């Protein structure tokens, strides 16, 4: 069975990692692609803004 790699964004180094190399508090993911992981901070900020708008 071929497993697809999981991409994670490291919040300390601000770099993409393949697999769970960093402790959970310092990583965000998993993402299906490296590009999605690279955009992690933008995704987090957009979702946060959306949630804030919904609370108003």
PDB file of N, CA and C in Angstrom:
ATOM      1  N   UNK A   1       0.846  -1.168   0.000  1.00  0.00           N
ATOM      2  CA  UNK A   1       0.000   0.000   0.000  1.00  0.00           C
ATOM      3  C   UNK A   1       0.901   1.244   0.000  1.00  0.00           C
ATOM      4  N   UNK A   2       0.690   2.140  -0.953  1.00  0.00           N
ATOM      5  CA  UNK A   2       1.460   3.378  -1.024  1.00  0.00           C
ATOM      6  C   UNK A   2       0.762   4.467  -0.227  1.00  0.00           C
ATOM      7  N   UNK A   3       1.423   4.922   0.809  1.00  0.00           N
ATOM      8  CA  UNK A   3       0.866   6.014   1.607  1.00  0.00           C
ATOM      9  C   UNK A   3       1.399   7.334   1.081  1.00  0.00           C
ATOM     10  N   UNK A   4       0.510   8.303   0.969  1.00  0.00           N
ATOM     11  CA  UNK A   4       0.925   9.628   0.526  1.00  0.00           C
ATOM     12  C   UNK A   4       1.592  10.347   1.690  1.00  0.00           C
ATOM     13  N   UNK A   5       2.616  11.134   1.392  1.00  0.00           N
ATOM     14  CA  UNK A   5       3.268  11.871   2.480  1.00  0.00           C
ATOM     15  C   UNK A   5       2.354  12.948   3.050  1.00  0.00           C
ATOM     16  N   UNK A   6       2.544  13.231   4.314  1.00  0.00           N
ATOM     17  CA  UNK A   6       1.819  14.325   4.963  1.00  0.00           C
ATOM     18  C   UNK A   6       2.788  15.482   5.132  1.00  0.00           C
ATOM     19  N   UNK A   7       2.325  16.675   4.827  1.00  0.00           N
ATOM     20  CA  UNK A   7       3.144  17.869   4.942  1.00  0.00           C
ATOM     21  C   UNK A   7       2.677  18.675   6.147  1.00  0.00           C
ATOM     22  N   UNK A   8       3.619  19.148   6.916  1.00  0.00           N
ATOM     23  CA  UNK A   8       3.350  19.911   8.129  1.00  0.00           C
ATOM     24  C   UNK A   8       4.100  21.226   8.052  1.00  0.00           C
ATOM     25  N   UNK A   9       3.556  22.263   8.685  1.00  0.00           N
ATOM     26  CA  UNK A   9       4.235  23.552   8.752  1.00  0.00           C
ATOM     27  C   UNK A   9       4.782  23.722  10.153  1.00  0.00           C
ATOM     28  N   UNK A  10       6.087  23.938  10.255  1.00  0.00           N
ATOM     29  CA  UNK A  10       6.755  24.105  11.537  1.00  0.00           C
ATOM     30  C   UNK A  10       6.654  25.568  11.956  1.00  0.00           C
ATOM     31  N   UNK A  11       6.003  25.825  13.076  1.00  0.00           N
ATOM     32  CA  UNK A  11       5.780  27.192  13.551  1.00  0.00           C
ATOM     33  C   UNK A  11       7.034  27.843  14.133  1.00  0.00           C
ATOM     34  N   UNK A  12       8.043  27.062  14.477  1.00  0.00           N
ATOM     35  CA  UNK A  12       9.293  27.621  15.002  1.00  0.00           C
ATOM     36  C   UNK A  12      10.236  28.014  13.871  1.00  0.00           C
ATOM     37  N   UNK A  13      10.391  27.131  12.898  1.00  0.00           N
ATOM     38  CA  UNK A  13      11.337  27.386  11.810  1.00  0.00           C
ATOM     39  C   UNK A  13      10.673  28.059  10.616  1.00  0.00           C
ATOM     40  N   UNK A  14       9.340  28.034  10.594  1.00  0.00           N
ATOM     41  CA  UNK A  14       8.548  28.566   9.470  1.00  0.00           C
ATOM     42  C   UNK A  14       8.870  27.851   8.164  1.00  0.00           C
ATOM     43  N   UNK A  15       9.121  26.535   8.283  1.00  0.00           N
ATOM     44  CA  UNK A  15       9.424  25.712   7.107  1.00  0.00           C
ATOM     45  C   UNK A  15       8.493  24.509   7.054  1.00  0.00           C
ATOM     46  N   UNK A  16       8.352  23.973   5.855  1.00  0.00           N
ATOM     47  CA  UNK A  16       7.527  22.786   5.628  1.00  0.00           C
ATOM     48  C   UNK A  16       8.356  21.544   5.932  1.00  0.00           C
ATOM     49  N   UNK A  17       7.723  20.580   6.577  1.00  0.00           N
ATOM     50  CA  UNK A  17       8.353  19.303   6.876  1.00  0.00           C
ATOM     51  C   UNK A  17       7.482  18.179   6.325  1.00  0.00           C
ATOM     52  N   UNK A  18       8.130  17.087   5.968  1.00  0.00           N
ATOM     53  CA  UNK A  18       7.406  15.898   5.524  1.00  0.00           C
ATOM     54  C   UNK A  18       7.419  14.921   6.683  1.00  0.00           C
ATOM     55  N   UNK A  19       6.237  14.560   7.153  1.00  0.00           N
ATOM     56  CA  UNK A  19       6.131  13.667   8.297  1.00  0.00           C
ATOM     57  C   UNK A  19       6.154  14.431   9.610  1.00  0.00           C
ATOM     58  N   UNK A  20       5.914  13.706  10.682  1.00  0.00           N
ATOM     59  CA  UNK A  20       5.825  14.306  12.028  1.00  0.00           C
ATOM     60  C   UNK A  20       7.209  14.366  12.665  1.00  0.00           C
ATOM     61  N   UNK A  21       7.981  15.361  12.274  1.00  0.00           N
ATOM     62  CA  UNK A  21       9.343  15.504  12.791  1.00  0.00           C
ATOM     63  C   UNK A  21       9.412  16.401  14.016  1.00  0.00           C
ATOM     64  N   UNK A  22       8.444  17.265  14.168  1.00  0.00           N
ATOM     65  CA  UNK A  22       8.450  18.266  15.231  1.00  0.00           C
ATOM     66  C   UNK A  22       7.336  17.965  16.225  1.00  0.00           C
ATOM     67  N   UNK A  23       7.551  18.343  17.469  1.00  0.00           N
ATOM     68  CA  UNK A  23       6.532  18.147  18.507  1.00  0.00           C
ATOM     69  C   UNK A  23       5.237  18.865  18.122  1.00  0.00           C
ATOM     70  N   UNK A  24       4.122  18.287  18.498  1.00  0.00           N
ATOM     71  CA  UNK A  24       2.796  18.779  18.114  1.00  0.00           C
ATOM     72  C   UNK A  24       2.558  20.266  18.383  1.00  0.00           C
ATOM     73  N   UNK A  25       3.003  20.832  19.505  1.00  0.00           N
ATOM     74  CA  UNK A  25       2.715  22.259  19.732  1.00  0.00           C
ATOM     75  C   UNK A  25       3.370  23.191  18.713  1.00  0.00           C
ATOM     76  N   UNK A  26       4.348  22.687  17.982  1.00  0.00           N
ATOM     77  CA  UNK A  26       5.098  23.534  17.056  1.00  0.00           C
ATOM     78  C   UNK A  26       4.820  23.236  15.589  1.00  0.00           C
ATOM     79  N   UNK A  27       3.804  22.436  15.317  1.00  0.00           N
ATOM     80  CA  UNK A  27       3.499  22.132  13.916  1.00  0.00           C
ATOM     81  C   UNK A  27       2.013  22.269  13.645  1.00  0.00           C
ATOM     82  N   UNK A  28       1.705  22.574  12.389  1.00  0.00           N
ATOM     83  CA  UNK A  28       0.326  22.708  11.935  1.00  0.00           C
ATOM     84  C   UNK A  28       0.160  21.777  10.744  1.00  0.00           C
ATOM     85  N   UNK A  29      -0.971  21.078  10.702  1.00  0.00           N
ATOM     86  CA  UNK A  29      -1.215  20.176   9.590  1.00  0.00           C
ATOM     87  C   UNK A  29      -2.014  18.987  10.065  1.00  0.00           C
ATOM     88  N   UNK A  30      -2.070  17.977   9.283  1.00  0.00           N
ATOM     89  CA  UNK A  30      -1.314  17.770   8.052  1.00  0.00           C
ATOM     90  C   UNK A  30      -1.988  18.416   6.847  1.00  0.00           C
ATOM     91  N   UNK A  31      -1.184  18.642   5.830  1.00  0.00           N
ATOM     92  CA  UNK A  31      -1.660  19.164   4.560  1.00  0.00           C
ATOM     93  C   UNK A  31      -1.382  18.128   3.483  1.00  0.00           C
ATOM     94  N   UNK A  32      -2.208  18.125   2.457  1.00  0.00           N
ATOM     95  CA  UNK A  32      -2.078  17.143   1.381  1.00  0.00           C
ATOM     96  C   UNK A  32      -0.904  17.449   0.463  1.00  0.00           C
ATOM     97  N   UNK A  33      -0.570  18.740   0.332  1.00  0.00           N
ATOM     98  CA  UNK A  33       0.512  19.125  -0.573  1.00  0.00           C
ATOM     99  C   UNK A  33       1.492  20.059   0.130  1.00  0.00           C
ATOM    100  N   UNK A  34       2.675  20.155  -0.432  1.00  0.00           N
ATOM    101  CA  UNK A  34       3.676  21.070   0.107  1.00  0.00           C
ATOM    102  C   UNK A  34       3.210  22.514  -0.038  1.00  0.00           C
ATOM    103  N   UNK A  35       2.548  22.817  -1.149  1.00  0.00           N
ATOM    104  CA  UNK A  35       2.046  24.182  -1.383  1.00  0.00           C
ATOM    105  C   UNK A  35       1.025  24.587  -0.322  1.00  0.00           C
ATOM    106  N   UNK A  36       0.137  23.678   0.045  1.00  0.00           N
ATOM    107  CA  UNK A  36      -0.841  23.973   1.097  1.00  0.00           C
ATOM    108  C   UNK A  36      -0.132  24.230   2.424  1.00  0.00           C
ATOM    109  N   UNK A  37       0.882  23.444   2.720  1.00  0.00           N
ATOM    110  CA  UNK A  37       1.624  23.630   3.967  1.00  0.00           C
ATOM    111  C   UNK A  37       2.358  24.969   3.972  1.00  0.00           C
ATOM    112  N   UNK A  38       2.921  25.358   2.830  1.00  0.00           N
ATOM    113  CA  UNK A  38       3.613  26.652   2.742  1.00  0.00           C
ATOM    114  C   UNK A  38       2.657  27.811   2.996  1.00  0.00           C
ATOM    115  N   UNK A  39       1.404  27.622   2.669  1.00  0.00           N
ATOM    116  CA  UNK A  39       0.391  28.668   2.845  1.00  0.00           C
ATOM    117  C   UNK A  39      -0.297  28.579   4.207  1.00  0.00           C
ATOM    118  N   UNK A  40       0.254  27.800   5.117  1.00  0.00           N
ATOM    119  CA  UNK A  40      -0.395  27.551   6.407  1.00  0.00           C
ATOM    120  C   UNK A  40      -0.709  28.825   7.174  1.00  0.00           C
ATOM    121  N   UNK A  41       0.230  29.743   7.266  1.00  0.00           N
ATOM    122  CA  UNK A  41      -0.017  30.960   8.044  1.00  0.00           C
ATOM    123  C   UNK A  41      -1.128  31.792   7.425  1.00  0.00           C
ATOM    124  N   UNK A  42      -1.155  31.882   6.109  1.00  0.00           N
ATOM    125  CA  UNK A  42      -2.227  32.625   5.438  1.00  0.00           C
ATOM    126  C   UNK A  42      -3.571  31.948   5.681  1.00  0.00           C
ATOM    127  N   UNK A  43      -3.592  30.625   5.642  1.00  0.00           N
ATOM    128  CA  UNK A  43      -4.821  29.869   5.885  1.00  0.00           C
ATOM    129  C   UNK A  43      -5.312  30.091   7.314  1.00  0.00           C
ATOM    130  N   UNK A  44      -4.403  30.037   8.270  1.00  0.00           N
ATOM    131  CA  UNK A  44      -4.760  30.247   9.676  1.00  0.00           C
ATOM    132  C   UNK A  44      -5.320  31.648   9.875  1.00  0.00           C
ATOM    133  N   UNK A  45      -4.648  32.644   9.314  1.00  0.00           N
ATOM    134  CA  UNK A  45      -5.112  34.030   9.459  1.00  0.00           C
ATOM    135  C   UNK A  45      -6.469  34.244   8.810  1.00  0.00           C
ATOM    136  N   UNK A  46      -6.694  33.656   7.643  1.00  0.00           N
ATOM    137  CA  UNK A  46      -7.980  33.804   6.953  1.00  0.00           C
ATOM    138  C   UNK A  46      -9.104  33.157   7.753  1.00  0.00           C
ATOM    139  N   UNK A  47      -8.841  31.978   8.286  1.00  0.00           N
ATOM    140  CA  UNK A  47      -9.870  31.297   9.087  1.00  0.00           C
ATOM    141  C   UNK A  47     -10.164  32.068  10.366  1.00  0.00           C
ATOM    142  N   UNK A  48      -9.128  32.613  10.988  1.00  0.00           N
ATOM    143  CA  UNK A  48      -9.323  33.407  12.198  1.00  0.00           C
ATOM    144  C   UNK A  48     -10.156  34.647  11.933  1.00  0.00           C
ATOM    145  N   UNK A  49      -9.892  35.311  10.809  1.00  0.00           N
ATOM    146  CA  UNK A  49     -10.663  36.501  10.446  1.00  0.00           C
ATOM    147  C   UNK A  49     -12.118  36.136  10.190  1.00  0.00           C
ATOM    148  N   UNK A  50     -12.327  34.994   9.543  1.00  0.00           N
ATOM    149  CA  UNK A  50     -13.695  34.545   9.253  1.00  0.00           C
ATOM    150  C   UNK A  50     -14.440  34.256  10.557  1.00  0.00           C
ATOM    151  N   UNK A  51     -13.776  33.567  11.482  1.00  0.00           N
ATOM    152  CA  UNK A  51     -14.416  33.246  12.761  1.00  0.00           C
ATOM    153  C   UNK A  51     -14.725  34.515  13.544  1.00  0.00           C
ATOM    154  N   UNK A  52     -13.807  35.468  13.517  1.00  0.00           N
ATOM    155  CA  UNK A  52     -14.041  36.740  14.220  1.00  0.00           C
ATOM    156  C   UNK A  52     -15.237  37.473  13.642  1.00  0.00           C
ATOM    157  N   UNK A  53     -15.361  37.447  12.324  1.00  0.00           N
ATOM    158  CA  UNK A  53     -16.483  38.114  11.661  1.00  0.00           C
ATOM    159  C   UNK A  53     -17.806  37.433  12.009  1.00  0.00           C
ATOM    160  N   UNK A  54     -17.777  36.111  12.151  1.00  0.00           N
ATOM    161  CA  UNK A  54     -18.993  35.370  12.484  1.00  0.00           C
ATOM    162  C   UNK A  54     -19.451  35.664  13.916  1.00  0.00           C
ATOM    163  N   UNK A  55     -18.519  36.009  14.794  1.00  0.00           N
ATOM    164  CA  UNK A  55     -18.857  36.294  16.191  1.00  0.00           C
ATOM    165  C   UNK A  55     -19.542  37.642  16.355  1.00  0.00           C
ATOM    166  N   UNK A  56     -19.317  38.550  15.419  1.00  0.00           N
ATOM    167  CA  UNK A  56     -19.900  39.906  15.514  1.00  0.00           C
ATOM    168  C   UNK A  56     -21.377  39.939  15.251  1.00  0.00           C
TER     169      UNK A  56
END
